[in-house]
Amino acid sequence: MNRTFLFTIEECDDKKAIDLFLKSHGFSRHILSRLKNHENGILLNGNHATTKTLLSSGDCLSICILEETSSQNIVPINLPMDIVYEDQDILVINKASDTPIHPSLNNFDNSLANGVSYYYQNQDSPFVFRCINRLDRDTTGLTIIAKNPLSGAILSSMVSRREIHREYLAICSGQTPPLGTVNAPIGRVSHSCIEREVNYECGERAVTHFETLNYLPDSQLSLVKLKLETGRTHQIRVHMKHIGHPLIGDYIYHPDYTYIKRQALHSYHLSFLHPISQKPMNFTAELPSDMARLLL
């Protein structure tokens, strides 16, 4: 997949080396190294330039990122995908349940990566799979895929700086408080490579804010909106169990399948600045049918 970026150099960047200019725009060392090996990777006013070439005000800088091979070990498979948004730099997908993000043992042909690879194979376009906000296999909702190394690098930095704002909807057991914050560190359970727990001795900082939207007294279930301040593995699932209101259908933390056969968790809203254009991006995905029917 090819992506060309054009920059008109302003006075504030006069006499600045190309590598320093590109780093200020999110280009990583890895991307800069790859540009050196591509004949037309860096063009200054239409001529080949190196990363140490100095810029002048008014220059036209063209950067071409070329990816000629797709991700290895991802078999393209025709799977249904709900594409919410797509442009040259990002792909936003409303992920279905029972869909792992990446292929793994016993899941080599049913992951989101398989479906995305097939989607671009049909367009005769090489594609490297870069998922930015990973969701658990049975968590539904919005996830971001970066379509080129630059958008991937910038979005990953935004995740680290907590500049991608995520909101979830969950159905929890019992009547949850109207509002609350769970500030409890999360660590791995010693005997498991998957399970997590609140661990005040060696866990990592984890903060979850929640608001109860609806309580269903007949089923004693609560619809809860949650905002993540941090992004630990299984954070929502562990925190809600910790305060006595586990997610229903959670096979690890609350395996009660009376109402639903998976953890009732949905990534319903994402907001962030576009990694390239810096335009505000806002996406919402309605509750999937298996969760929505419980609220009728």
C-alpha atoms as a PDB file:
ATOM      1  CA  MET A   1       0.000   0.000   0.000  1.00  0.00           C
ATOM      2  CA  ASN A   2       1.452   3.342  -1.063  1.00  0.00           C
ATOM      3  CA  ARG A   3       0.937   6.635   0.749  1.00  0.00           C
ATOM      4  CA  THR A   4       2.453   9.974  -0.259  1.00  0.00           C
ATOM      5  CA  PHE A   5       2.652  12.934   2.130  1.00  0.00           C
ATOM      6  CA  LEU A   6       3.249  16.480   0.838  1.00  0.00           C
ATOM      7  CA  PHE A   7       4.597  19.297   2.988  1.00  0.00           C
ATOM      8  CA  THR A   8       5.129  22.968   2.140  1.00  0.00           C
ATOM      9  CA  ILE A   9       7.937  24.246   4.318  1.00  0.00           C
ATOM     10  CA  GLU A  10       7.163  27.306   6.437  1.00  0.00           C
ATOM     11  CA  GLU A  11       9.576  29.894   7.812  1.00  0.00           C
ATOM     12  CA  CYS A  12       9.685  28.245  11.236  1.00  0.00           C
ATOM     13  CA  ASP A  13      11.284  25.171   9.640  1.00  0.00           C
ATOM     14  CA  ASP A  14      13.803  27.055   7.494  1.00  0.00           C
ATOM     15  CA  LYS A  15      17.307  25.495   7.727  1.00  0.00           C
ATOM     16  CA  LYS A  16      15.948  22.453   9.555  1.00  0.00           C
ATOM     17  CA  ALA A  17      17.212  19.024   8.450  1.00  0.00           C
ATOM     18  CA  ILE A  18      14.628  16.776   6.832  1.00  0.00           C
ATOM     19  CA  ASP A  19      14.948  14.068   9.482  1.00  0.00           C
ATOM     20  CA  LEU A  20      14.272  16.529  12.301  1.00  0.00           C
ATOM     21  CA  PHE A  21      11.318  17.979  10.398  1.00  0.00           C
ATOM     22  CA  LEU A  22       9.811  14.536   9.803  1.00  0.00           C
ATOM     23  CA  LYS A  23      10.336  13.453  13.410  1.00  0.00           C
ATOM     24  CA  SER A  24       8.361  16.519  14.491  1.00  0.00           C
ATOM     25  CA  HIS A  25       5.516  15.202  12.321  1.00  0.00           C
ATOM     26  CA  GLY A  26       5.474  11.759  13.886  1.00  0.00           C
ATOM     27  CA  PHE A  27       7.864   9.844  11.631  1.00  0.00           C
ATOM     28  CA  SER A  28       9.681   7.195  13.642  1.00  0.00           C
ATOM     29  CA  ARG A  29      13.323   6.171  13.216  1.00  0.00           C
ATOM     30  CA  HIS A  30      12.114   2.934  11.627  1.00  0.00           C
ATOM     31  CA  ILE A  31      10.125   4.824   8.988  1.00  0.00           C
ATOM     32  CA  LEU A  32      13.042   7.174   8.275  1.00  0.00           C
ATOM     33  CA  SER A  33      15.366   4.194   7.850  1.00  0.00           C
ATOM     34  CA  ARG A  34      12.982   2.646   5.309  1.00  0.00           C
ATOM     35  CA  LEU A  35      12.727   5.916   3.375  1.00  0.00           C
ATOM     36  CA  LYS A  36      16.497   5.910   2.830  1.00  0.00           C
ATOM     37  CA  ASN A  37      16.207   2.613   0.957  1.00  0.00           C
ATOM     38  CA  HIS A  38      13.430   3.772  -1.357  1.00  0.00           C
ATOM     39  CA  GLU A  39      14.563   5.675  -4.464  1.00  0.00           C
ATOM     40  CA  ASN A  40      11.674   8.138  -4.391  1.00  0.00           C
ATOM     41  CA  GLY A  41      11.110   8.004  -0.653  1.00  0.00           C
ATOM     42  CA  ILE A  42      12.245  11.592  -0.114  1.00  0.00           C
ATOM     43  CA  LEU A  43      11.867  14.209  -2.845  1.00  0.00           C
ATOM     44  CA  LEU A  44      12.616  17.871  -2.282  1.00  0.00           C
ATOM     45  CA  ASN A  45      11.231  20.121  -5.000  1.00  0.00           C
ATOM     46  CA  GLY A  46      11.066  17.031  -7.217  1.00  0.00           C
ATOM     47  CA  ASN A  47      14.663  15.928  -6.633  1.00  0.00           C
ATOM     48  CA  HIS A  48      16.043  13.101  -4.512  1.00  0.00           C
ATOM     49  CA  ALA A  49      17.144  14.233  -1.054  1.00  0.00           C
ATOM     50  CA  THR A  50      18.645  12.643   2.039  1.00  0.00           C
ATOM     51  CA  THR A  51      17.400  12.898   5.583  1.00  0.00           C
ATOM     52  CA  LYS A  52      20.217  15.356   6.373  1.00  0.00           C
ATOM     53  CA  THR A  53      19.327  17.774   3.571  1.00  0.00           C
ATOM     54  CA  LEU A  54      18.438  21.214   4.915  1.00  0.00           C
ATOM     55  CA  LEU A  55      15.040  22.682   4.149  1.00  0.00           C
ATOM     56  CA  SER A  56      14.265  26.205   3.006  1.00  0.00           C
ATOM     57  CA  SER A  57      11.079  28.185   3.440  1.00  0.00           C
ATOM     58  CA  GLY A  58       8.730  27.518   0.509  1.00  0.00           C
ATOM     59  CA  ASP A  59      10.225  24.106  -0.369  1.00  0.00           C
ATOM     60  CA  CYS A  60       7.912  21.285  -1.401  1.00  0.00           C
ATOM     61  CA  LEU A  61       8.784  18.053   0.418  1.00  0.00           C
ATOM     62  CA  SER A  62       7.294  14.786  -0.840  1.00  0.00           C
ATOM     63  CA  ILE A  63       7.483  11.627   1.283  1.00  0.00           C
ATOM     64  CA  CYS A  64       6.428   8.301  -0.201  1.00  0.00           C
ATOM     65  CA  ILE A  65       5.859   5.299   2.073  1.00  0.00           C
ATOM     66  CA  LEU A  66       5.781   2.086   0.074  1.00  0.00           C
ATOM     67  CA  GLU A  67       4.746  -1.321   1.427  1.00  0.00           C
ATOM     68  CA  GLU A  68       5.014  -4.074  -1.162  1.00  0.00           C
ATOM     69  CA  THR A  69       4.374  -7.128   1.023  1.00  0.00           C
ATOM     70  CA  SER A  70       1.497  -8.010   3.341  1.00  0.00           C
ATOM     71  CA  SER A  71       1.641  -9.247   6.936  1.00  0.00           C
ATOM     72  CA  GLN A  72       3.125 -12.714   7.148  1.00  0.00           C
ATOM     73  CA  ASN A  73       1.228 -15.630   8.691  1.00  0.00           C
ATOM     74  CA  ILE A  74      -2.178 -13.981   8.187  1.00  0.00           C
ATOM     75  CA  VAL A  75      -4.317 -15.992   5.770  1.00  0.00           C
ATOM     76  CA  PRO A  76      -6.814 -13.802   3.865  1.00  0.00           C
ATOM     77  CA  ILE A  77     -10.305 -15.115   4.657  1.00  0.00           C
ATOM     78  CA  ASN A  78     -13.624 -13.758   3.422  1.00  0.00           C
ATOM     79  CA  LEU A  79     -15.295 -12.787   6.712  1.00  0.00           C
ATOM     80  CA  PRO A  80     -18.161 -10.327   7.256  1.00  0.00           C
ATOM     81  CA  MET A  81     -16.925  -6.915   8.427  1.00  0.00           C
ATOM     82  CA  ASP A  82     -18.839  -3.836   9.536  1.00  0.00           C
ATOM     83  CA  ILE A  83     -16.680  -0.955   8.268  1.00  0.00           C
ATOM     84  CA  VAL A  84     -17.676   2.286   9.984  1.00  0.00           C
ATOM     85  CA  TYR A  85     -15.096   4.575   8.348  1.00  0.00           C
ATOM     86  CA  GLU A  86     -12.158   4.416   5.957  1.00  0.00           C
ATOM     87  CA  ASP A  87      -9.708   6.854   4.406  1.00  0.00           C
ATOM     88  CA  GLN A  88      -6.069   6.696   3.271  1.00  0.00           C
ATOM     89  CA  ASP A  89      -4.750   6.412   6.807  1.00  0.00           C
ATOM     90  CA  ILE A  90      -7.219   4.637   9.079  1.00  0.00           C
ATOM     91  CA  LEU A  91      -9.918   2.004   9.064  1.00  0.00           C
ATOM     92  CA  VAL A  92     -12.543   1.915  11.828  1.00  0.00           C
ATOM     93  CA  ILE A  93     -14.420  -1.367  12.255  1.00  0.00           C
ATOM     94  CA  ASN A  94     -17.355  -2.369  14.435  1.00  0.00           C
ATOM     95  CA  LYS A  95     -16.038  -5.777  15.525  1.00  0.00           C
ATOM     96  CA  ALA A  96     -18.433  -8.670  16.023  1.00  0.00           C
ATOM     97  CA  SER A  97     -18.346 -11.033  19.001  1.00  0.00           C
ATOM     98  CA  ASP A  98     -16.458 -14.326  18.825  1.00  0.00           C
ATOM     99  CA  THR A  99     -13.799 -12.589  16.721  1.00  0.00           C
ATOM    100  CA  PRO A 100     -10.175 -12.518  17.920  1.00  0.00           C
ATOM    101  CA  ILE A 101      -8.107  -9.556  16.779  1.00  0.00           C
ATOM    102  CA  HIS A 102      -5.078 -11.620  15.701  1.00  0.00           C
ATOM    103  CA  PRO A 103      -4.652 -15.218  14.540  1.00  0.00           C
ATOM    104  CA  SER A 104      -3.491 -17.625  17.234  1.00  0.00           C
ATOM    105  CA  LEU A 105      -3.451 -21.321  18.022  1.00  0.00           C
ATOM    106  CA  ASN A 106      -6.834 -22.762  16.987  1.00  0.00           C
ATOM    107  CA  ASN A 107      -7.817 -19.343  15.641  1.00  0.00           C
ATOM    108  CA  PHE A 108      -5.713 -19.077  12.512  1.00  0.00           C
ATOM    109  CA  ASP A 109      -8.549 -18.264  10.084  1.00  0.00           C
ATOM    110  CA  ASN A 110     -11.316 -16.500  12.043  1.00  0.00           C
ATOM    111  CA  SER A 111      -9.685 -13.306  13.300  1.00  0.00           C
ATOM    112  CA  LEU A 112     -10.273  -9.685  12.385  1.00  0.00           C
ATOM    113  CA  ALA A 113      -6.810  -9.685  10.802  1.00  0.00           C
ATOM    114  CA  ASN A 114      -7.876 -12.482   8.425  1.00  0.00           C
ATOM    115  CA  GLY A 115     -10.923 -10.510   7.309  1.00  0.00           C
ATOM    116  CA  VAL A 116      -9.039  -7.236   6.840  1.00  0.00           C
ATOM    117  CA  SER A 117      -6.295  -9.004   4.858  1.00  0.00           C
ATOM    118  CA  TYR A 118      -8.906 -10.472   2.520  1.00  0.00           C
ATOM    119  CA  TYR A 119     -10.564  -7.062   2.115  1.00  0.00           C
ATOM    120  CA  TYR A 120      -7.326  -5.536   0.812  1.00  0.00           C
ATOM    121  CA  GLN A 121      -6.275  -8.601  -1.157  1.00  0.00           C
ATOM    122  CA  ASN A 122      -9.477  -8.109  -3.168  1.00  0.00           C
ATOM    123  CA  GLN A 123      -8.217  -4.606  -3.961  1.00  0.00           C
ATOM    124  CA  ASP A 124      -4.811  -5.980  -5.051  1.00  0.00           C
ATOM    125  CA  SER A 125      -3.263  -3.928  -2.279  1.00  0.00           C
ATOM    126  CA  PRO A 126      -0.537  -5.241   0.061  1.00  0.00           C
ATOM    127  CA  PHE A 127      -1.558  -4.646   3.657  1.00  0.00           C
ATOM    128  CA  VAL A 128       0.249  -4.797   6.985  1.00  0.00           C
ATOM    129  CA  PHE A 129      -2.183  -5.314   9.871  1.00  0.00           C
ATOM    130  CA  ARG A 130      -1.834  -2.725  12.659  1.00  0.00           C
ATOM    131  CA  CYS A 131      -4.607  -2.745  15.256  1.00  0.00           C
ATOM    132  CA  ILE A 132      -4.466   0.244  17.602  1.00  0.00           C
ATOM    133  CA  ASN A 133      -7.034  -0.440  20.339  1.00  0.00           C
ATOM    134  CA  ARG A 134      -7.296  -4.187  20.775  1.00  0.00           C
ATOM    135  CA  LEU A 135     -10.514  -5.720  22.030  1.00  0.00           C
ATOM    136  CA  ASP A 136     -10.992  -9.084  23.699  1.00  0.00           C
ATOM    137  CA  ARG A 137     -12.346 -11.844  21.477  1.00  0.00           C
ATOM    138  CA  ASP A 138     -15.926 -11.524  22.760  1.00  0.00           C
ATOM    139  CA  THR A 139     -15.956  -7.758  23.269  1.00  0.00           C
ATOM    140  CA  THR A 140     -17.828  -6.097  20.426  1.00  0.00           C
ATOM    141  CA  GLY A 141     -17.522  -2.617  18.999  1.00  0.00           C
ATOM    142  CA  LEU A 142     -15.196  -0.012  17.590  1.00  0.00           C
ATOM    143  CA  THR A 143     -11.560  -0.662  16.875  1.00  0.00           C
ATOM    144  CA  ILE A 144      -9.019   1.323  14.824  1.00  0.00           C
ATOM    145  CA  ILE A 145      -6.727  -0.143  12.167  1.00  0.00           C
ATOM    146  CA  ALA A 146      -3.786   1.946  10.926  1.00  0.00           C
ATOM    147  CA  LYS A 147      -3.295   1.673   7.161  1.00  0.00           C
ATOM    148  CA  ASN A 148       0.313   2.846   6.952  1.00  0.00           C
ATOM    149  CA  PRO A 149       3.378   3.039   9.225  1.00  0.00           C
ATOM    150  CA  LEU A 150       3.023   6.777   9.896  1.00  0.00           C
ATOM    151  CA  SER A 151      -0.606   6.655  11.026  1.00  0.00           C
ATOM    152  CA  GLY A 152       0.296   3.574  13.065  1.00  0.00           C
ATOM    153  CA  ALA A 153       3.204   5.302  14.807  1.00  0.00           C
ATOM    154  CA  ILE A 154       1.206   8.443  15.567  1.00  0.00           C
ATOM    155  CA  LEU A 155      -1.842   6.555  16.825  1.00  0.00           C
ATOM    156  CA  SER A 156       0.316   4.330  19.034  1.00  0.00           C
ATOM    157  CA  SER A 157       1.856   7.436  20.591  1.00  0.00           C
ATOM    158  CA  MET A 158      -1.622   8.854  21.094  1.00  0.00           C
ATOM    159  CA  VAL A 159      -2.620   5.699  22.973  1.00  0.00           C
ATOM    160  CA  SER A 160       0.406   6.103  25.248  1.00  0.00           C
ATOM    161  CA  ARG A 161      -0.548   9.727  25.895  1.00  0.00           C
ATOM    162  CA  ARG A 162      -4.202   8.726  26.469  1.00  0.00           C
ATOM    163  CA  GLU A 163      -5.370  10.874  23.585  1.00  0.00           C
ATOM    164  CA  ILE A 164      -7.714   8.234  22.175  1.00  0.00           C
ATOM    165  CA  HIS A 165     -10.848   8.427  24.294  1.00  0.00           C
ATOM    166  CA  ARG A 166     -12.826   5.200  24.656  1.00  0.00           C
ATOM    167  CA  GLU A 167     -16.259   4.627  26.099  1.00  0.00           C
ATOM    168  CA  TYR A 168     -17.853   1.250  26.663  1.00  0.00           C
ATOM    169  CA  LEU A 169     -21.292  -0.087  27.493  1.00  0.00           C
ATOM    170  CA  ALA A 170     -21.605  -3.100  29.757  1.00  0.00           C
ATOM    171  CA  ILE A 171     -24.406  -5.058  31.368  1.00  0.00           C
ATOM    172  CA  CYS A 172     -23.499  -5.872  34.955  1.00  0.00           C
ATOM    173  CA  SER A 173     -24.957  -8.029  37.662  1.00  0.00           C
ATOM    174  CA  GLY A 174     -26.899  -6.214  40.378  1.00  0.00           C
ATOM    175  CA  GLN A 175     -27.719  -2.540  40.872  1.00  0.00           C
ATOM    176  CA  THR A 176     -24.594  -0.473  40.320  1.00  0.00           C
ATOM    177  CA  PRO A 177     -24.125   2.952  42.004  1.00  0.00           C
ATOM    178  CA  PRO A 178     -25.244   5.974  39.930  1.00  0.00           C
ATOM    179  CA  LEU A 179     -21.660   7.154  39.460  1.00  0.00           C
ATOM    180  CA  GLY A 180     -18.281   5.905  40.506  1.00  0.00           C
ATOM    181  CA  THR A 181     -14.572   5.497  39.906  1.00  0.00           C
ATOM    182  CA  VAL A 182     -12.601   2.333  40.476  1.00  0.00           C
ATOM    183  CA  ASN A 183      -8.951   3.102  41.189  1.00  0.00           C
ATOM    184  CA  ALA A 184      -7.349  -0.277  41.805  1.00  0.00           C
ATOM    185  CA  PRO A 185      -4.090  -1.674  40.345  1.00  0.00           C
ATOM    186  CA  ILE A 186      -4.357  -4.751  38.154  1.00  0.00           C
ATOM    187  CA  GLY A 187      -1.858  -7.593  37.838  1.00  0.00           C
ATOM    188  CA  ARG A 188      -1.636 -11.082  36.429  1.00  0.00           C
ATOM    189  CA  VAL A 189      -2.946 -13.974  38.514  1.00  0.00           C
ATOM    190  CA  SER A 190       0.116 -16.030  39.445  1.00  0.00           C
ATOM    191  CA  HIS A 191      -1.113 -19.379  38.121  1.00  0.00           C
ATOM    192  CA  SER A 192      -2.590 -18.055  34.861  1.00  0.00           C
ATOM    193  CA  CYS A 193      -1.255 -16.399  31.715  1.00  0.00           C
ATOM    194  CA  ILE A 194      -4.716 -14.960  30.955  1.00  0.00           C
ATOM    195  CA  GLU A 195      -6.542 -14.105  34.175  1.00  0.00           C
ATOM    196  CA  ARG A 196      -6.031 -10.758  35.914  1.00  0.00           C
ATOM    197  CA  GLU A 197      -6.893  -9.502  39.393  1.00  0.00           C
ATOM    198  CA  VAL A 198      -6.740  -6.418  41.571  1.00  0.00           C
ATOM    199  CA  ASN A 199      -3.325  -6.544  43.190  1.00  0.00           C
ATOM    200  CA  TYR A 200      -2.267  -3.680  45.452  1.00  0.00           C
ATOM    201  CA  GLU A 201       1.268  -5.019  45.900  1.00  0.00           C
ATOM    202  CA  CYS A 202       2.511  -5.516  42.349  1.00  0.00           C
ATOM    203  CA  GLY A 203      -0.336  -4.496  40.042  1.00  0.00           C
ATOM    204  CA  GLU A 204      -0.176  -1.621  37.552  1.00  0.00           C
ATOM    205  CA  ARG A 205      -2.241   1.536  37.986  1.00  0.00           C
ATOM    206  CA  ALA A 206      -5.738   1.143  36.579  1.00  0.00           C
ATOM    207  CA  VAL A 207      -8.609   3.652  36.728  1.00  0.00           C
ATOM    208  CA  THR A 208     -12.149   3.129  35.409  1.00  0.00           C
ATOM    209  CA  HIS A 209     -14.966   5.708  35.592  1.00  0.00           C
ATOM    210  CA  PHE A 210     -18.547   4.479  35.332  1.00  0.00           C
ATOM    211  CA  GLU A 211     -22.103   5.784  35.180  1.00  0.00           C
ATOM    212  CA  THR A 212     -25.281   3.737  35.511  1.00  0.00           C
ATOM    213  CA  LEU A 213     -27.651   4.402  32.612  1.00  0.00           C
ATOM    214  CA  ASN A 214     -30.429   1.994  33.500  1.00  0.00           C
ATOM    215  CA  TYR A 215     -31.368  -0.602  36.113  1.00  0.00           C
ATOM    216  CA  LEU A 216     -33.665  -3.523  35.296  1.00  0.00           C
ATOM    217  CA  PRO A 217     -35.181  -4.688  38.606  1.00  0.00           C
ATOM    218  CA  ASP A 218     -36.848  -7.790  37.151  1.00  0.00           C
ATOM    219  CA  SER A 219     -33.524  -9.256  36.002  1.00  0.00           C
ATOM    220  CA  GLN A 220     -31.394  -7.316  38.495  1.00  0.00           C
ATOM    221  CA  LEU A 221     -29.105  -6.096  35.730  1.00  0.00           C
ATOM    222  CA  SER A 222     -27.556  -2.665  35.184  1.00  0.00           C
ATOM    223  CA  LEU A 223     -26.581  -0.973  31.931  1.00  0.00           C
ATOM    224  CA  VAL A 224     -23.357   0.907  32.649  1.00  0.00           C
ATOM    225  CA  LYS A 225     -21.282   3.385  30.640  1.00  0.00           C
ATOM    226  CA  LEU A 226     -17.558   3.183  31.331  1.00  0.00           C
ATOM    227  CA  LYS A 227     -14.613   5.422  30.486  1.00  0.00           C
ATOM    228  CA  LEU A 228     -11.056   4.163  30.700  1.00  0.00           C
ATOM    229  CA  GLU A 229      -8.341   6.355  32.122  1.00  0.00           C
ATOM    230  CA  THR A 230      -5.823   3.535  31.669  1.00  0.00           C
ATOM    231  CA  GLY A 231      -5.814   0.489  29.411  1.00  0.00           C
ATOM    232  CA  ARG A 232      -4.943  -2.655  31.348  1.00  0.00           C
ATOM    233  CA  THR A 233      -5.803  -6.128  30.114  1.00  0.00           C
ATOM    234  CA  HIS A 234      -9.379  -7.054  31.154  1.00  0.00           C
ATOM    235  CA  GLN A 235      -9.585  -3.755  33.050  1.00  0.00           C
ATOM    236  CA  ILE A 236     -13.352  -3.262  32.945  1.00  0.00           C
ATOM    237  CA  ARG A 237     -14.060  -6.914  33.623  1.00  0.00           C
ATOM    238  CA  VAL A 238     -11.721  -7.041  36.620  1.00  0.00           C
ATOM    239  CA  HIS A 239     -12.782  -3.697  38.084  1.00  0.00           C
ATOM    240  CA  MET A 240     -16.507  -4.377  37.925  1.00  0.00           C
ATOM    241  CA  LYS A 241     -16.021  -7.763  39.543  1.00  0.00           C
ATOM    242  CA  HIS A 242     -13.895  -6.072  42.211  1.00  0.00           C
ATOM    243  CA  ILE A 243     -16.790  -3.797  43.260  1.00  0.00           C
ATOM    244  CA  GLY A 244     -19.281  -6.673  43.268  1.00  0.00           C
ATOM    245  CA  HIS A 245     -20.938  -6.084  39.877  1.00  0.00           C
ATOM    246  CA  PRO A 246     -19.287  -8.417  37.362  1.00  0.00           C
ATOM    247  CA  LEU A 247     -20.211  -8.403  33.709  1.00  0.00           C
ATOM    248  CA  ILE A 248     -22.753 -11.094  32.898  1.00  0.00           C
ATOM    249  CA  GLY A 249     -21.634 -13.894  30.587  1.00  0.00           C
ATOM    250  CA  ASP A 250     -17.948 -13.423  31.428  1.00  0.00           C
ATOM    251  CA  TYR A 251     -16.415 -16.890  31.134  1.00  0.00           C
ATOM    252  CA  ILE A 252     -13.387 -15.957  33.263  1.00  0.00           C
ATOM    253  CA  TYR A 253     -14.745 -13.639  35.933  1.00  0.00           C
ATOM    254  CA  HIS A 254     -18.476 -14.426  36.106  1.00  0.00           C
ATOM    255  CA  PRO A 255     -19.469 -17.507  34.054  1.00  0.00           C
ATOM    256  CA  ASP A 256     -23.230 -17.025  34.339  1.00  0.00           C
ATOM    257  CA  TYR A 257     -24.793 -17.567  30.909  1.00  0.00           C
ATOM    258  CA  THR A 258     -28.423 -17.099  31.940  1.00  0.00           C
ATOM    259  CA  TYR A 259     -28.848 -14.038  29.741  1.00  0.00           C
ATOM    260  CA  ILE A 260     -25.951 -14.010  27.279  1.00  0.00           C
ATOM    261  CA  LYS A 261     -23.208 -16.355  26.097  1.00  0.00           C
ATOM    262  CA  ARG A 262     -20.321 -13.870  26.220  1.00  0.00           C
ATOM    263  CA  GLN A 263     -19.172 -11.000  28.395  1.00  0.00           C
ATOM    264  CA  ALA A 264     -21.691  -8.218  27.860  1.00  0.00           C
ATOM    265  CA  LEU A 265     -19.176  -5.540  26.869  1.00  0.00           C
ATOM    266  CA  HIS A 266     -19.312  -3.226  23.854  1.00  0.00           C
ATOM    267  CA  SER A 267     -16.873  -0.536  22.678  1.00  0.00           C
ATOM    268  CA  TYR A 268     -19.501   1.990  21.655  1.00  0.00           C
ATOM    269  CA  HIS A 269     -17.702   5.329  21.288  1.00  0.00           C
ATOM    270  CA  LEU A 270     -14.270   6.486  20.125  1.00  0.00           C
ATOM    271  CA  SER A 271     -13.021  10.053  19.822  1.00  0.00           C
ATOM    272  CA  PHE A 272      -9.570  11.239  18.773  1.00  0.00           C
ATOM    273  CA  LEU A 273      -7.762  13.587  16.425  1.00  0.00           C
ATOM    274  CA  HIS A 274      -7.022  12.130  13.007  1.00  0.00           C
ATOM    275  CA  PRO A 275      -3.323  11.147  13.000  1.00  0.00           C
ATOM    276  CA  ILE A 276      -2.581  12.997   9.748  1.00  0.00           C
ATOM    277  CA  SER A 277      -5.193  15.723   9.218  1.00  0.00           C
ATOM    278  CA  GLN A 278      -5.690  16.434  12.954  1.00  0.00           C
ATOM    279  CA  LYS A 279      -9.431  16.704  12.361  1.00  0.00           C
ATOM    280  CA  PRO A 280     -11.660  15.581  15.276  1.00  0.00           C
ATOM    281  CA  MET A 281     -12.985  12.066  14.722  1.00  0.00           C
ATOM    282  CA  ASN A 282     -16.015  10.710  16.577  1.00  0.00           C
ATOM    283  CA  PHE A 283     -17.566   7.281  16.065  1.00  0.00           C
ATOM    284  CA  THR A 284     -20.460   5.507  17.735  1.00  0.00           C
ATOM    285  CA  ALA A 285     -21.630   1.908  17.315  1.00  0.00           C
ATOM    286  CA  GLU A 286     -25.058   0.836  18.557  1.00  0.00           C
ATOM    287  CA  LEU A 287     -25.411  -2.020  21.000  1.00  0.00           C
ATOM    288  CA  PRO A 288     -25.318  -5.441  19.317  1.00  0.00           C
ATOM    289  CA  SER A 289     -28.573  -7.385  19.311  1.00  0.00           C
ATOM    290  CA  ASP A 290     -27.592  -9.874  22.028  1.00  0.00           C
ATOM    291  CA  MET A 291     -27.078  -7.031  24.503  1.00  0.00           C
ATOM    292  CA  ALA A 292     -29.890  -4.781  23.262  1.00  0.00           C
ATOM    293  CA  ARG A 293     -32.587  -7.450  23.702  1.00  0.00           C
ATOM    294  CA  LEU A 294     -31.807  -7.665  27.423  1.00  0.00           C
ATOM    295  CA  LEU A 295     -32.860  -4.043  27.849  1.00  0.00           C
ATOM    296  CA  LEU A 296     -36.331  -4.414  26.320  1.00  0.00           C
END
